Amino acid sequence: MYNRFAEMRRRYLREHRDGIYTGMLLTGKLDEHLKEIGDTAQEMFDQLAEQMKKAEGVTERLKAENQMEWVGRMNSIRSRAEEVVLSELVYC
């Protein structure tokens, strides 16, 4: 089963790059491609989120002291990290 980034890539190829999608499907390379993109994208997302947390001072201490603030900032970080991954790996 694919992770969410691999599934987004599959959907993107199918809807916007049908020739590439069909070619990879027929040659048996689609599954390998989707797994590679999915794994790479997840790794990139995790690294970006960690870097942003450190840069913005989002810590476990903040989580303990002000959970709502921590949740809001983490949601922002995840959203921004996902946007970078989607634009650089998934939708290109």
Protein backbone atom coordinates (compact mmCIF):
# COMPACT_ATOMS: atom_id res chain seq x y z
CA MET A 1 0.00 0.00 0.00
CA TYR A 2 1.19 3.49 -0.80
CA ASN A 3 1.59 6.36 1.62
CA ARG A 4 -0.36 9.58 1.10
CA PHE A 5 2.36 11.23 -0.99
CA ALA A 6 2.60 8.25 -3.35
CA GLU A 7 -1.17 8.26 -3.75
CA MET A 8 -1.15 12.00 -4.53
CA ARG A 9 1.60 11.38 -7.12
CA ARG A 10 -0.40 8.56 -8.70
CA ARG A 11 -3.48 10.75 -8.92
CA TYR A 12 -1.43 13.65 -10.36
CA LEU A 13 0.12 11.46 -13.05
CA ARG A 14 -3.23 9.91 -13.93
CA GLU A 15 -5.04 13.25 -14.20
CA HIS A 16 -2.32 15.51 -15.62
CA ARG A 17 0.35 13.30 -17.19
CA ASP A 18 -1.68 10.39 -18.54
CA GLY A 19 0.94 9.42 -21.14
CA ILE A 20 3.64 9.06 -18.51
CA TYR A 21 1.23 7.23 -16.20
CA THR A 22 0.19 4.77 -18.92
CA GLY A 23 3.76 4.21 -20.07
CA MET A 24 4.98 3.45 -16.56
CA LEU A 25 1.98 1.21 -15.91
CA LEU A 26 2.55 -0.79 -19.10
CA THR A 27 6.28 -1.21 -18.47
CA GLY A 28 5.74 -2.21 -14.85
CA LYS A 29 7.64 0.77 -13.46
CA LEU A 30 4.71 2.61 -11.86
CA ASP A 31 4.74 0.80 -8.51
CA GLU A 32 8.49 1.26 -8.10
CA HIS A 33 8.21 4.96 -9.01
CA LEU A 34 5.34 5.57 -6.59
CA LYS A 35 7.13 3.80 -3.75
CA GLU A 36 10.30 5.81 -4.36
CA ILE A 37 8.43 9.12 -4.55
CA GLY A 38 6.34 8.25 -1.49
CA ASP A 39 9.35 7.28 0.63
CA THR A 40 11.41 10.27 -0.47
CA ALA A 41 8.53 12.67 0.08
CA GLN A 42 7.78 11.32 3.57
CA GLU A 43 11.45 11.60 4.54
CA MET A 44 11.61 15.16 3.19
CA PHE A 45 8.40 16.08 5.04
CA ASP A 46 9.72 14.71 8.33
CA GLN A 47 13.04 16.54 7.98
CA LEU A 48 11.40 19.84 7.02
CA ALA A 49 8.95 19.64 9.91
CA GLU A 50 11.78 18.97 12.38
CA GLN A 51 13.85 21.85 11.01
CA MET A 52 10.89 24.22 11.21
CA LYS A 53 10.09 23.12 14.77
CA LYS A 54 13.64 23.88 15.86
CA ALA A 55 13.82 27.18 14.00
CA GLU A 56 10.52 28.38 15.46
CA GLY A 57 11.06 27.11 19.00
CA VAL A 58 8.19 24.64 19.00
CA THR A 59 9.20 22.32 21.83
CA GLU A 60 7.75 19.73 24.17
CA ARG A 61 7.89 22.40 26.86
CA LEU A 62 5.56 24.61 24.81
CA LYS A 63 3.30 21.60 24.35
CA ALA A 64 3.14 21.10 28.13
CA GLU A 65 2.64 24.79 28.93
CA ASN A 66 0.28 25.87 26.16
CA GLN A 67 -1.19 22.97 24.25
CA MET A 68 -3.45 25.07 22.00
CA GLU A 69 -0.54 27.27 20.92
CA TRP A 70 1.55 24.17 20.23
CA VAL A 71 -1.23 22.58 18.14
CA GLY A 72 -1.71 25.73 16.08
CA ARG A 73 1.99 26.11 15.39
CA MET A 74 2.42 22.42 14.56
CA ASN A 75 -0.51 22.55 12.14
CA SER A 76 1.13 25.53 10.44
CA ILE A 77 4.48 23.73 10.26
CA ARG A 78 2.94 20.56 8.84
CA SER A 79 0.98 22.53 6.28
CA ARG A 80 4.03 24.46 5.09
CA ALA A 81 6.24 21.35 5.01
CA GLU A 82 3.62 19.47 3.01
CA GLU A 83 3.30 22.34 0.54
CA VAL A 84 7.07 22.26 -0.10
CA VAL A 85 7.05 18.48 -0.60
CA LEU A 86 4.08 18.61 -2.94
CA SER A 87 5.54 21.36 -5.09
CA GLU A 88 9.07 19.89 -5.25
CA LEU A 89 8.39 16.15 -5.50
CA VAL A 90 4.79 15.21 -6.05
CA TYR A 91 3.37 17.75 -8.51
CA CYS A 92 6.32 18.21 -10.82
